[in-house]
Amino acid sequence: MRILLDECIPRPLAQYLPDYYVRTVPQMGWASVINGVLLKLAEAEFDVFITVDKGIRYQQNLRSTVLGIVVLRRTQQSPGTSAAARA
């Protein structure tokens, strides 16, 4: 499975997915690309897109995509605790 992590996802999350091909949006050279274009680019090369953008389902027409989209929920974190460490 090929997984793309959105810009807002901490890069260390990839270490928790060792059996998968994982890249970040910046690694792909797609930093600052708007969501509609980003989803089309991702759809051509990835199976799953992971983001924290809760509004993506309202901002984009997702009915025509074959890309799996996972929206992670942010939680309150205590100082010194990274989101990836809790994943």
Protein backbone atom coordinates (compact mmCIF):
# COMPACT_ATOMS: atom_id res chain seq x y z
CA MET A 1 0.00 0.00 0.00
CA ARG A 2 1.25 3.48 -0.91
CA ILE A 3 0.47 6.17 1.66
CA LEU A 4 0.81 9.94 1.31
CA LEU A 5 1.03 12.08 4.47
CA ASP A 6 -0.32 15.62 4.18
CA GLU A 7 1.91 18.59 5.07
CA CYS A 8 0.25 18.95 8.47
CA ILE A 9 0.96 15.36 9.54
CA PRO A 10 4.14 14.92 11.62
CA ARG A 11 6.77 13.12 9.54
CA PRO A 12 7.65 10.71 12.37
CA LEU A 13 4.26 9.04 11.85
CA ALA A 14 5.84 7.22 8.91
CA GLN A 15 8.02 5.19 11.26
CA TYR A 16 4.86 3.57 12.62
CA LEU A 17 4.02 2.29 9.14
CA PRO A 18 7.19 0.32 8.32
CA ASP A 19 5.51 -2.22 6.04
CA TYR A 20 4.18 0.44 3.69
CA TYR A 21 5.57 2.84 1.10
CA VAL A 22 5.07 6.19 2.86
CA ARG A 23 5.92 9.64 1.55
CA THR A 24 5.02 13.16 2.63
CA VAL A 25 3.60 15.90 0.44
CA PRO A 26 6.88 17.90 0.68
CA GLN A 27 8.95 14.81 -0.21
CA MET A 28 6.90 14.53 -3.39
CA GLY A 29 7.55 18.20 -4.22
CA TRP A 30 3.88 19.04 -3.78
CA ALA A 31 4.14 21.47 -0.84
CA SER A 32 1.59 24.30 -1.05
CA VAL A 33 -0.35 22.60 -3.86
CA ILE A 34 -4.08 23.25 -3.39
CA ASN A 35 -6.20 20.30 -2.25
CA GLY A 36 -8.06 19.63 -5.51
CA VAL A 37 -4.83 19.40 -7.50
CA LEU A 38 -3.08 17.57 -4.66
CA LEU A 39 -5.75 14.89 -4.55
CA LYS A 40 -5.47 14.32 -8.31
CA LEU A 41 -1.67 14.02 -8.04
CA ALA A 42 -1.98 11.68 -5.06
CA GLU A 43 -4.61 9.55 -6.78
CA ALA A 44 -2.18 8.79 -9.60
CA GLU A 45 0.58 7.50 -7.28
CA PHE A 46 -0.93 6.55 -3.91
CA ASP A 47 -3.66 4.40 -2.41
CA VAL A 48 -4.27 6.41 0.79
CA PHE A 49 -3.99 10.07 1.76
CA ILE A 50 -3.71 10.91 5.48
CA THR A 51 -4.59 14.42 6.64
CA VAL A 52 -6.02 16.36 9.59
CA ASP A 53 -8.08 18.62 7.31
CA LYS A 54 -11.61 18.00 8.62
CA GLY A 55 -13.07 20.20 5.92
CA ILE A 56 -11.71 18.19 3.01
CA ARG A 57 -14.97 16.33 2.50
CA TYR A 58 -16.83 19.64 2.21
CA GLN A 59 -14.22 21.43 0.11
CA GLN A 60 -13.65 18.70 -2.48
CA ASN A 61 -15.86 16.41 -4.55
CA LEU A 62 -14.69 13.05 -3.23
CA ARG A 63 -17.28 10.92 -5.01
CA SER A 64 -15.11 10.46 -8.08
CA THR A 65 -11.83 9.64 -6.32
CA VAL A 66 -10.47 6.14 -5.86
CA LEU A 67 -8.02 7.44 -3.27
CA GLY A 68 -8.66 6.37 0.30
CA ILE A 69 -8.74 9.43 2.56
CA VAL A 70 -8.10 9.19 6.28
CA VAL A 71 -8.80 12.27 8.41
CA LEU A 72 -7.05 12.10 11.76
CA ARG A 73 -8.46 13.96 14.72
CA ARG A 74 -6.09 16.18 16.64
CA THR A 75 -6.11 15.83 20.39
CA GLN A 76 -4.81 18.07 23.13
CA GLN A 77 -1.21 17.22 23.82
CA SER A 78 0.81 17.92 26.89
CA PRO A 79 4.05 19.89 26.48
CA GLY A 80 6.88 17.71 25.21
CA THR A 81 4.60 15.01 23.81
CA SER A 82 4.51 14.69 20.05
CA ALA A 83 1.45 13.49 18.18
CA ALA A 84 3.50 10.73 16.55
CA ALA A 85 4.56 9.39 19.94
CA ARG A 86 0.91 8.87 20.85
CA ALA A 87 -0.01 7.27 17.53
